[in-house]
N, C-alpha and C. Protein backbone atom coordinates (compact mmCIF):
# COMPACT_ATOMS: atom_id res chain seq x y z
N UNK A 1 0.36 36.96 21.66
CA UNK A 1 1.19 35.78 21.88
C UNK A 1 1.58 35.18 20.53
N UNK A 2 2.81 34.79 20.44
CA UNK A 2 3.32 34.22 19.19
C UNK A 2 2.93 32.75 19.11
N UNK A 3 2.32 32.36 17.99
CA UNK A 3 1.85 30.99 17.80
C UNK A 3 2.92 30.16 17.07
N UNK A 4 4.18 30.46 17.24
CA UNK A 4 5.25 29.79 16.51
C UNK A 4 6.08 28.96 17.47
N UNK A 5 6.30 27.70 17.13
CA UNK A 5 7.22 26.87 17.89
C UNK A 5 8.32 26.41 16.95
N UNK A 6 9.11 25.40 17.36
CA UNK A 6 10.26 25.03 16.53
C UNK A 6 9.89 24.38 15.20
N UNK A 7 8.67 23.82 15.07
CA UNK A 7 8.25 23.26 13.78
C UNK A 7 7.62 24.30 12.86
N UNK A 8 7.25 25.44 13.37
CA UNK A 8 6.61 26.47 12.56
C UNK A 8 5.22 26.74 13.07
N UNK A 9 4.54 27.62 12.37
CA UNK A 9 3.18 27.97 12.78
C UNK A 9 2.22 26.84 12.43
N UNK A 10 1.02 26.98 12.91
CA UNK A 10 -0.04 25.98 12.62
C UNK A 10 -0.27 25.88 11.12
N UNK A 11 -0.25 27.01 10.42
CA UNK A 11 -0.51 27.01 8.98
C UNK A 11 0.63 26.35 8.22
N UNK A 12 1.88 26.56 8.67
CA UNK A 12 3.00 25.91 8.01
C UNK A 12 2.96 24.40 8.20
N UNK A 13 2.60 23.95 9.40
CA UNK A 13 2.50 22.51 9.65
C UNK A 13 1.36 21.90 8.84
N UNK A 14 0.23 22.61 8.75
CA UNK A 14 -0.90 22.12 7.97
C UNK A 14 -0.54 22.04 6.49
N UNK A 15 0.19 23.04 6.00
CA UNK A 15 0.61 23.06 4.60
C UNK A 15 1.53 21.88 4.31
N UNK A 16 2.48 21.61 5.21
CA UNK A 16 3.38 20.47 5.00
C UNK A 16 2.62 19.15 5.04
N UNK A 17 1.65 19.04 5.95
CA UNK A 17 0.86 17.81 6.06
C UNK A 17 0.03 17.59 4.79
N UNK A 18 -0.56 18.65 4.25
CA UNK A 18 -1.34 18.50 3.03
C UNK A 18 -0.46 18.17 1.83
N UNK A 19 0.73 18.70 1.79
CA UNK A 19 1.65 18.35 0.71
C UNK A 19 2.05 16.89 0.79
N UNK A 20 2.24 16.38 2.01
CA UNK A 20 2.59 14.98 2.19
C UNK A 20 1.42 14.07 1.77
N UNK A 21 0.21 14.47 2.12
CA UNK A 21 -0.97 13.70 1.71
C UNK A 21 -1.11 13.73 0.19
N UNK A 22 -0.88 14.88 -0.42
CA UNK A 22 -0.98 15.01 -1.88
C UNK A 22 0.09 14.17 -2.57
N UNK A 23 1.26 14.02 -1.93
CA UNK A 23 2.34 13.25 -2.52
C UNK A 23 1.98 11.77 -2.60
N UNK A 24 1.27 11.26 -1.59
CA UNK A 24 0.96 9.83 -1.54
C UNK A 24 -0.46 9.49 -1.96
N UNK A 25 -1.19 10.46 -2.49
CA UNK A 25 -2.55 10.15 -2.95
C UNK A 25 -2.53 9.96 -4.46
N UNK A 26 -3.07 8.85 -4.89
CA UNK A 26 -3.12 8.53 -6.30
C UNK A 26 -4.59 8.42 -6.72
N UNK A 27 -4.85 8.82 -7.92
CA UNK A 27 -6.21 8.64 -8.42
C UNK A 27 -6.38 7.20 -8.92
N UNK A 28 -7.61 6.81 -9.13
CA UNK A 28 -7.89 5.45 -9.61
C UNK A 28 -7.29 5.25 -10.99
N UNK A 29 -7.33 6.28 -11.82
CA UNK A 29 -6.79 6.17 -13.18
C UNK A 29 -5.28 5.98 -13.15
N UNK A 30 -4.58 6.67 -12.23
CA UNK A 30 -3.13 6.50 -12.13
C UNK A 30 -2.77 5.08 -11.69
N UNK A 31 -3.51 4.55 -10.71
CA UNK A 31 -3.26 3.19 -10.26
C UNK A 31 -3.57 2.20 -11.37
N UNK A 32 -4.63 2.45 -12.13
CA UNK A 32 -4.99 1.59 -13.25
C UNK A 32 -3.92 1.63 -14.33
N UNK A 33 -3.39 2.82 -14.62
CA UNK A 33 -2.36 2.94 -15.65
C UNK A 33 -1.07 2.24 -15.26
N UNK A 34 -0.81 2.14 -13.97
CA UNK A 34 0.41 1.46 -13.51
C UNK A 34 0.17 -0.04 -13.37
N UNK A 35 -0.99 -0.43 -12.86
CA UNK A 35 -1.23 -1.84 -12.52
C UNK A 35 -1.49 -2.71 -13.74
N UNK A 36 -2.18 -2.19 -14.75
CA UNK A 36 -2.54 -3.03 -15.90
C UNK A 36 -1.31 -3.51 -16.68
N UNK A 37 -0.34 -2.64 -17.02
CA UNK A 37 0.84 -3.17 -17.71
C UNK A 37 1.65 -4.15 -16.86
N UNK A 38 1.73 -3.91 -15.54
CA UNK A 38 2.46 -4.84 -14.68
C UNK A 38 1.77 -6.20 -14.63
N UNK A 39 0.45 -6.20 -14.49
CA UNK A 39 -0.28 -7.46 -14.51
C UNK A 39 -0.17 -8.15 -15.85
N UNK A 40 -0.16 -7.36 -16.91
CA UNK A 40 0.00 -7.92 -18.25
C UNK A 40 1.35 -8.61 -18.40
N UNK A 41 2.41 -7.96 -17.90
CA UNK A 41 3.74 -8.57 -17.99
C UNK A 41 3.85 -9.84 -17.16
N UNK A 42 3.23 -9.85 -15.96
CA UNK A 42 3.22 -11.06 -15.15
C UNK A 42 2.46 -12.17 -15.86
N UNK A 43 1.35 -11.84 -16.48
CA UNK A 43 0.58 -12.84 -17.23
C UNK A 43 1.40 -13.38 -18.39
N UNK A 44 2.11 -12.51 -19.08
CA UNK A 44 2.97 -12.94 -20.18
C UNK A 44 4.05 -13.88 -19.68
N UNK A 45 4.69 -13.55 -18.55
CA UNK A 45 5.76 -14.38 -17.99
C UNK A 45 5.23 -15.75 -17.57
N UNK A 46 4.12 -15.78 -16.86
CA UNK A 46 3.57 -17.05 -16.36
C UNK A 46 3.10 -17.94 -17.51
N UNK A 47 2.41 -17.32 -18.47
CA UNK A 47 1.93 -18.12 -19.60
C UNK A 47 3.07 -18.65 -20.46
N UNK A 48 4.09 -17.83 -20.67
CA UNK A 48 5.22 -18.31 -21.47
C UNK A 48 5.99 -19.40 -20.72
N UNK A 49 6.08 -19.28 -19.40
CA UNK A 49 6.74 -20.32 -18.61
C UNK A 49 5.95 -21.63 -18.68
N UNK A 50 4.63 -21.55 -18.51
CA UNK A 50 3.81 -22.76 -18.60
C UNK A 50 3.84 -23.37 -19.99
N UNK A 51 3.84 -22.51 -21.01
CA UNK A 51 3.90 -23.01 -22.39
C UNK A 51 5.23 -23.70 -22.65
N UNK A 52 6.33 -23.11 -22.15
CA UNK A 52 7.65 -23.72 -22.33
C UNK A 52 7.73 -25.05 -21.60
N UNK A 53 7.19 -25.12 -20.38
CA UNK A 53 7.22 -26.37 -19.62
C UNK A 53 6.36 -27.45 -20.29
N UNK A 54 5.25 -27.06 -20.87
CA UNK A 54 4.40 -28.06 -21.52
C UNK A 54 5.01 -28.54 -22.84
N UNK A 55 5.76 -27.68 -23.52
CA UNK A 55 6.43 -28.10 -24.76
C UNK A 55 7.56 -29.08 -24.42
N UNK A 56 8.27 -28.84 -23.30
CA UNK A 56 9.35 -29.74 -22.92
C UNK A 56 8.83 -31.15 -22.62
N UNK A 57 7.64 -31.24 -22.06
CA UNK A 57 7.02 -32.54 -21.80
C UNK A 57 6.06 -32.82 -22.95
N UNK A 58 6.44 -33.74 -23.83
CA UNK A 58 5.66 -33.95 -25.06
C UNK A 58 4.26 -34.49 -24.78
N UNK A 59 4.04 -35.09 -23.62
CA UNK A 59 2.71 -35.60 -23.29
C UNK A 59 1.73 -34.47 -23.03
N UNK A 60 2.22 -33.28 -22.74
CA UNK A 60 1.35 -32.17 -22.37
C UNK A 60 1.29 -31.11 -23.47
N UNK A 61 1.44 -31.53 -24.70
CA UNK A 61 1.40 -30.58 -25.81
C UNK A 61 0.02 -29.93 -25.94
N UNK A 62 -1.03 -30.70 -25.68
CA UNK A 62 -2.39 -30.14 -25.73
C UNK A 62 -2.59 -29.05 -24.69
N UNK A 63 -2.01 -29.25 -23.50
CA UNK A 63 -2.10 -28.23 -22.46
C UNK A 63 -1.37 -26.96 -22.90
N UNK A 64 -0.25 -27.10 -23.55
CA UNK A 64 0.49 -25.95 -24.04
C UNK A 64 -0.30 -25.15 -25.07
N UNK A 65 -0.97 -25.84 -25.95
CA UNK A 65 -1.79 -25.15 -26.95
C UNK A 65 -2.97 -24.46 -26.28
N UNK A 66 -3.57 -25.12 -25.28
CA UNK A 66 -4.69 -24.51 -24.54
C UNK A 66 -4.22 -23.26 -23.79
N UNK A 67 -3.04 -23.31 -23.19
CA UNK A 67 -2.50 -22.15 -22.48
C UNK A 67 -2.23 -21.01 -23.47
N UNK A 68 -1.74 -21.34 -24.66
CA UNK A 68 -1.47 -20.31 -25.67
C UNK A 68 -2.77 -19.61 -26.09
N UNK A 69 -3.83 -20.39 -26.30
CA UNK A 69 -5.11 -19.77 -26.65
C UNK A 69 -5.69 -18.95 -25.49
N UNK A 70 -5.51 -19.44 -24.26
CA UNK A 70 -5.97 -18.67 -23.09
C UNK A 70 -5.20 -17.36 -22.98
N UNK A 71 -3.91 -17.39 -23.31
CA UNK A 71 -3.09 -16.18 -23.28
C UNK A 71 -3.56 -15.18 -24.33
N UNK A 72 -3.86 -15.66 -25.53
CA UNK A 72 -4.36 -14.77 -26.59
C UNK A 72 -5.71 -14.17 -26.18
N UNK A 73 -6.57 -14.99 -25.56
CA UNK A 73 -7.86 -14.50 -25.09
C UNK A 73 -7.68 -13.45 -23.99
N UNK A 74 -6.71 -13.67 -23.10
CA UNK A 74 -6.44 -12.70 -22.02
C UNK A 74 -5.93 -11.38 -22.59
N UNK A 75 -5.10 -11.44 -23.62
CA UNK A 75 -4.62 -10.22 -24.27
C UNK A 75 -5.79 -9.46 -24.88
N UNK A 76 -6.71 -10.19 -25.51
CA UNK A 76 -7.87 -9.54 -26.12
C UNK A 76 -8.74 -8.86 -25.07
N UNK A 77 -8.91 -9.50 -23.92
CA UNK A 77 -9.71 -8.89 -22.85
C UNK A 77 -9.01 -7.66 -22.29
N UNK A 78 -7.71 -7.77 -22.06
CA UNK A 78 -6.98 -6.64 -21.47
C UNK A 78 -6.98 -5.43 -22.39
N UNK A 79 -6.77 -5.66 -23.66
CA UNK A 79 -6.65 -4.52 -24.58
C UNK A 79 -8.01 -3.97 -24.99
N UNK A 80 -9.08 -4.74 -24.84
CA UNK A 80 -10.38 -4.23 -25.26
C UNK A 80 -10.90 -3.17 -24.29
N UNK A 81 -10.63 -3.33 -23.00
CA UNK A 81 -11.12 -2.37 -22.02
C UNK A 81 -10.09 -1.29 -21.69
N UNK A 82 -8.96 -1.35 -22.31
CA UNK A 82 -7.90 -0.40 -22.01
C UNK A 82 -7.83 0.62 -23.13
N UNK A 83 -7.66 1.89 -22.78
CA UNK A 83 -7.80 2.93 -23.81
C UNK A 83 -6.62 3.00 -24.77
N UNK A 84 -5.46 2.51 -24.36
CA UNK A 84 -4.32 2.46 -25.28
C UNK A 84 -3.85 1.02 -25.39
N UNK A 85 -3.31 0.70 -26.52
CA UNK A 85 -2.81 -0.66 -26.73
C UNK A 85 -1.51 -0.82 -25.97
N UNK A 86 -1.35 -1.92 -25.28
CA UNK A 86 -0.16 -2.14 -24.45
C UNK A 86 1.02 -2.47 -25.35
C-alpha cells in the first residue's frame, strides 16, 4: 500500500515540520545578542529624553545630572557583562 497522500509521505511531512521548528528556534545566545543592543538603545533614548526634559526645567537640573550618572553607570554594567563593546 502506498503511504503517500496529497501532502507527501510521512517522512516528507516530518522533514518539513522539523525545518519549520528549526526556523523558529533561537538559542539563548542569539536572543541575548539581539535583545541587549535593543535594550541599550531604549535606555539611551529614555535617559536622553529625561535629561533633556530636566534641562528644560531649570529647577530639576540636579535630577538631570543624577540621570546622566545613572546612564553612565548603566552603560558600565551593560558593557562589563557583554563580550563585545556596543
